[in-house]
Amino acid sequence: MNKRPYRMRKRAESQAETRRKIIEATIALHQTKGPAATSMADVAKKAGVGKVTVYRHFPDEPTLSRACSGLYFERHPVPDPEAWRRIADPRKRLRHGLGEAYAYHAETHEMMGHVLADARDHPVMRPYHALWASAAEIILEAWLPRDDEKALRAGLVMALTFETWRALVKEQGLSQDQAVALMERLMCDCEE
């Protein structure tokens, strides 16, 4: 009787578990000290494996960052701005979009605060930035046509950013609802 398939399956399971531990360690370190301060040696120590093992699974930092961000965003799915199109009223779409964006920023602030500080322009962040640019366009559509389209677009991009959320909620102490209401008022030129 050949036990080779059993051993191969066990080995594959063990490798998958080691890979998962490395990714989990990376996520934890990126959330607490940030990507720039996280070394492969730190990851190995946190995962309880040797540095060589980390490199065997992830030959370089970009490969590890992609795996880390993939799992992180799988666990923390981004809002779906396409669904916002069903809201025809411009102010309601704005309020809803800001509400979802700010709820997402609140959920992910430990990670995104470090990641944006350390790796804002890293290629792994392109989809994140593209999401918020697309979200601004979807909100903008409900307001068009307007003479001040360029300024409104810029304001929407700014309103949706993590940095704006952090400034309003974390630094100024506004509640989520207060931050949304303030940005809505600013974006609507204080018209009522």
Protein backbone atom coordinates (compact mmCIF):
# COMPACT_ATOMS: atom_id res chain seq x y z
CA MET A 1 0.00 0.00 0.00
CA ASN A 2 1.40 3.35 -1.09
CA LYS A 3 1.34 6.09 1.53
CA ARG A 4 2.87 8.70 -0.78
CA PRO A 5 -0.41 10.56 -1.66
CA TYR A 6 -1.21 10.85 2.06
CA ARG A 7 2.26 12.29 2.82
CA MET A 8 2.05 14.67 -0.12
CA ARG A 9 -1.36 15.92 1.03
CA LYS A 10 -0.07 16.39 4.60
CA ARG A 11 2.98 18.25 3.30
CA ALA A 12 0.79 20.52 1.14
CA GLU A 13 -1.45 21.23 4.13
CA SER A 14 1.57 22.04 6.25
CA GLN A 15 2.93 24.41 3.60
CA ALA A 16 -0.43 26.12 3.27
CA GLU A 17 -0.59 26.55 7.05
CA THR A 18 2.92 28.02 7.12
CA ARG A 19 2.02 30.40 4.31
CA ARG A 20 -1.14 31.47 6.18
CA LYS A 21 0.86 32.09 9.38
CA ILE A 22 3.32 34.27 7.45
CA ILE A 23 0.52 36.32 5.88
CA GLU A 24 -1.28 36.66 9.24
CA ALA A 25 1.95 37.83 10.88
CA THR A 26 2.48 40.38 8.11
CA ILE A 27 -1.05 41.73 8.49
CA ALA A 28 -0.60 42.07 12.25
CA LEU A 29 2.73 43.86 11.86
CA HIS A 30 1.48 46.19 9.13
CA GLN A 31 -1.46 47.13 11.39
CA THR A 32 0.73 47.87 14.38
CA LYS A 33 4.00 49.21 13.06
CA GLY A 34 3.38 49.72 9.36
CA PRO A 35 4.91 48.24 6.22
CA ALA A 36 8.00 50.46 6.27
CA ALA A 37 9.00 49.33 9.75
CA THR A 38 8.26 45.65 9.09
CA SER A 39 11.20 43.51 8.02
CA MET A 40 11.17 39.95 6.75
CA ALA A 41 12.95 39.03 10.00
CA ASP A 42 10.06 40.60 11.96
CA VAL A 43 7.58 38.58 9.92
CA ALA A 44 9.53 35.36 10.50
CA LYS A 45 9.69 35.96 14.25
CA LYS A 46 5.98 36.83 14.52
CA ALA A 47 5.00 33.80 12.40
CA GLY A 48 7.27 31.49 14.40
CA VAL A 49 9.25 30.38 11.36
CA GLY A 50 12.75 30.94 10.04
CA LYS A 51 13.60 33.82 7.73
CA VAL A 52 14.50 31.32 5.02
CA THR A 53 11.00 29.86 5.28
CA VAL A 54 9.50 33.31 4.72
CA TYR A 55 11.64 33.75 1.59
CA ARG A 56 10.77 30.26 0.39
CA HIS A 57 7.09 31.21 0.38
CA PHE A 58 7.52 34.89 -0.58
CA PRO A 59 10.74 35.62 -2.48
CA ASP A 60 10.46 39.39 -2.03
CA GLU A 61 8.53 42.13 -0.25
CA PRO A 62 6.16 42.94 -3.15
CA THR A 63 5.04 39.30 -3.35
CA LEU A 64 4.39 39.22 0.39
CA SER A 65 2.59 42.60 0.25
CA ARG A 66 0.28 41.38 -2.51
CA ALA A 67 -0.60 38.26 -0.52
CA CYS A 68 -1.13 40.34 2.62
CA SER A 69 -3.33 42.92 0.90
CA GLY A 70 -5.27 40.21 -0.91
CA LEU A 71 -6.25 38.48 2.32
CA TYR A 72 -6.84 41.76 4.14
CA PHE A 73 -9.22 43.12 1.50
CA GLU A 74 -10.94 39.73 1.27
CA ARG A 75 -11.70 40.04 4.99
CA HIS A 76 -12.58 43.72 4.72
CA PRO A 77 -14.46 44.07 1.44
CA VAL A 78 -14.64 47.60 0.10
CA PRO A 79 -17.97 49.33 -0.44
CA ASP A 80 -19.68 48.86 -3.80
CA PRO A 81 -20.08 52.35 -5.31
CA GLU A 82 -21.87 50.88 -8.32
CA ALA A 83 -24.84 50.17 -6.04
CA TRP A 84 -24.98 53.88 -5.21
CA ARG A 85 -26.20 54.56 -8.75
CA ARG A 86 -29.63 53.28 -7.71
CA ILE A 87 -29.98 56.39 -5.55
CA ALA A 88 -31.17 59.12 -7.93
CA ASP A 89 -31.30 62.05 -5.50
CA PRO A 90 -27.84 63.71 -5.48
CA ARG A 91 -27.81 64.56 -1.77
CA LYS A 92 -29.03 61.13 -0.74
CA ARG A 93 -26.42 59.48 -2.96
CA LEU A 94 -23.73 61.71 -1.46
CA ARG A 95 -24.87 60.99 2.11
CA HIS A 96 -25.10 57.25 1.46
CA GLY A 97 -21.72 57.10 -0.26
CA LEU A 98 -19.99 59.10 2.46
CA GLY A 99 -21.66 56.94 5.10
CA GLU A 100 -20.39 53.73 3.52
CA ALA A 101 -16.94 55.19 2.89
CA TYR A 102 -16.58 56.46 6.44
CA ALA A 103 -17.84 53.18 7.92
CA TYR A 104 -15.19 51.39 5.85
CA HIS A 105 -12.48 53.81 6.97
CA ALA A 106 -13.52 53.26 10.60
CA GLU A 107 -13.32 49.48 10.14
CA THR A 108 -9.88 49.57 8.51
CA HIS A 109 -8.25 52.58 10.16
CA GLU A 110 -5.56 50.64 12.03
CA MET A 111 -4.24 49.11 8.81
CA MET A 112 -4.89 51.95 6.39
CA GLY A 113 -3.38 54.60 8.65
CA HIS A 114 -0.05 52.80 8.58
CA VAL A 115 -0.24 51.62 4.99
CA LEU A 116 -1.12 55.03 3.57
CA ALA A 117 1.61 56.69 5.63
CA ASP A 118 4.23 54.17 4.49
CA ALA A 119 3.14 52.98 1.07
CA ARG A 120 0.63 55.44 -0.41
CA ASP A 121 2.21 55.17 -3.87
CA HIS A 122 3.08 51.47 -3.72
CA PRO A 123 1.64 49.57 -6.72
CA VAL A 124 -0.38 47.33 -4.39
CA MET A 125 -2.40 50.46 -3.41
CA ARG A 126 -3.54 51.33 -6.96
CA PRO A 127 -6.85 49.44 -6.71
CA TYR A 128 -7.60 51.16 -3.39
CA HIS A 129 -7.05 54.63 -4.85
CA ALA A 130 -8.97 53.72 -8.01
CA LEU A 131 -11.95 52.63 -5.89
CA TRP A 132 -12.31 56.07 -4.29
CA ALA A 133 -11.78 57.91 -7.58
CA SER A 134 -14.53 55.76 -9.11
CA ALA A 135 -16.76 56.37 -6.09
CA ALA A 136 -16.35 60.13 -6.54
CA GLU A 137 -17.35 59.83 -10.21
CA ILE A 138 -20.45 57.83 -9.31
CA ILE A 139 -21.55 60.42 -6.76
CA LEU A 140 -20.73 63.23 -9.22
CA GLU A 141 -22.97 61.73 -11.93
CA ALA A 142 -26.04 62.52 -9.85
CA TRP A 143 -25.11 66.23 -9.78
CA LEU A 144 -24.38 66.76 -13.47
CA PRO A 145 -24.53 68.86 -15.50
CA ARG A 146 -22.92 71.65 -13.48
CA ASP A 147 -20.68 74.57 -14.29
CA ASP A 148 -18.43 73.73 -11.36
CA GLU A 149 -17.96 70.05 -12.25
CA LYS A 150 -14.17 70.14 -11.81
CA ALA A 151 -14.36 71.70 -8.35
CA LEU A 152 -17.17 69.37 -7.29
CA ARG A 153 -15.16 66.33 -8.44
CA ALA A 154 -12.13 67.54 -6.47
CA GLY A 155 -14.28 68.08 -3.39
CA LEU A 156 -15.80 64.62 -3.68
CA VAL A 157 -12.40 62.98 -4.03
CA MET A 158 -11.25 64.84 -0.93
CA ALA A 159 -14.45 64.06 1.00
CA LEU A 160 -14.12 60.31 0.38
CA THR A 161 -10.48 59.93 1.41
CA PHE A 162 -9.28 58.13 4.48
CA GLU A 163 -7.31 61.23 5.45
CA THR A 164 -10.45 63.39 5.51
CA TRP A 165 -12.28 60.79 7.59
CA ARG A 166 -9.33 60.59 10.00
CA ALA A 167 -9.09 64.38 10.31
CA LEU A 168 -12.79 64.72 11.07
CA VAL A 169 -13.39 61.67 13.25
CA LYS A 170 -10.07 60.76 14.85
CA GLU A 171 -8.50 64.21 15.12
CA GLN A 172 -11.52 66.51 15.55
CA GLY A 173 -13.66 64.06 17.50
CA LEU A 174 -16.73 64.19 15.27
CA SER A 175 -19.01 61.18 15.20
CA GLN A 176 -19.37 59.32 11.92
CA ASP A 177 -22.78 60.94 11.36
CA GLN A 178 -21.44 64.41 12.17
CA ALA A 179 -18.57 63.95 9.72
CA VAL A 180 -20.94 62.85 6.96
CA ALA A 181 -23.29 65.78 7.68
CA LEU A 182 -20.42 68.27 7.63
CA MET A 183 -19.06 67.00 4.32
CA GLU A 184 -22.57 66.94 2.85
CA ARG A 185 -23.07 70.56 3.89
CA LEU A 186 -19.72 71.60 2.43
CA MET A 187 -20.30 69.71 -0.82
CA CYS A 188 -23.77 71.22 -1.23
CA ASP A 189 -22.55 74.81 -0.74
CA CYS A 190 -24.56 74.95 2.48
CA GLU A 191 -27.80 75.13 0.45
CA GLU A 192 -30.93 73.94 2.16
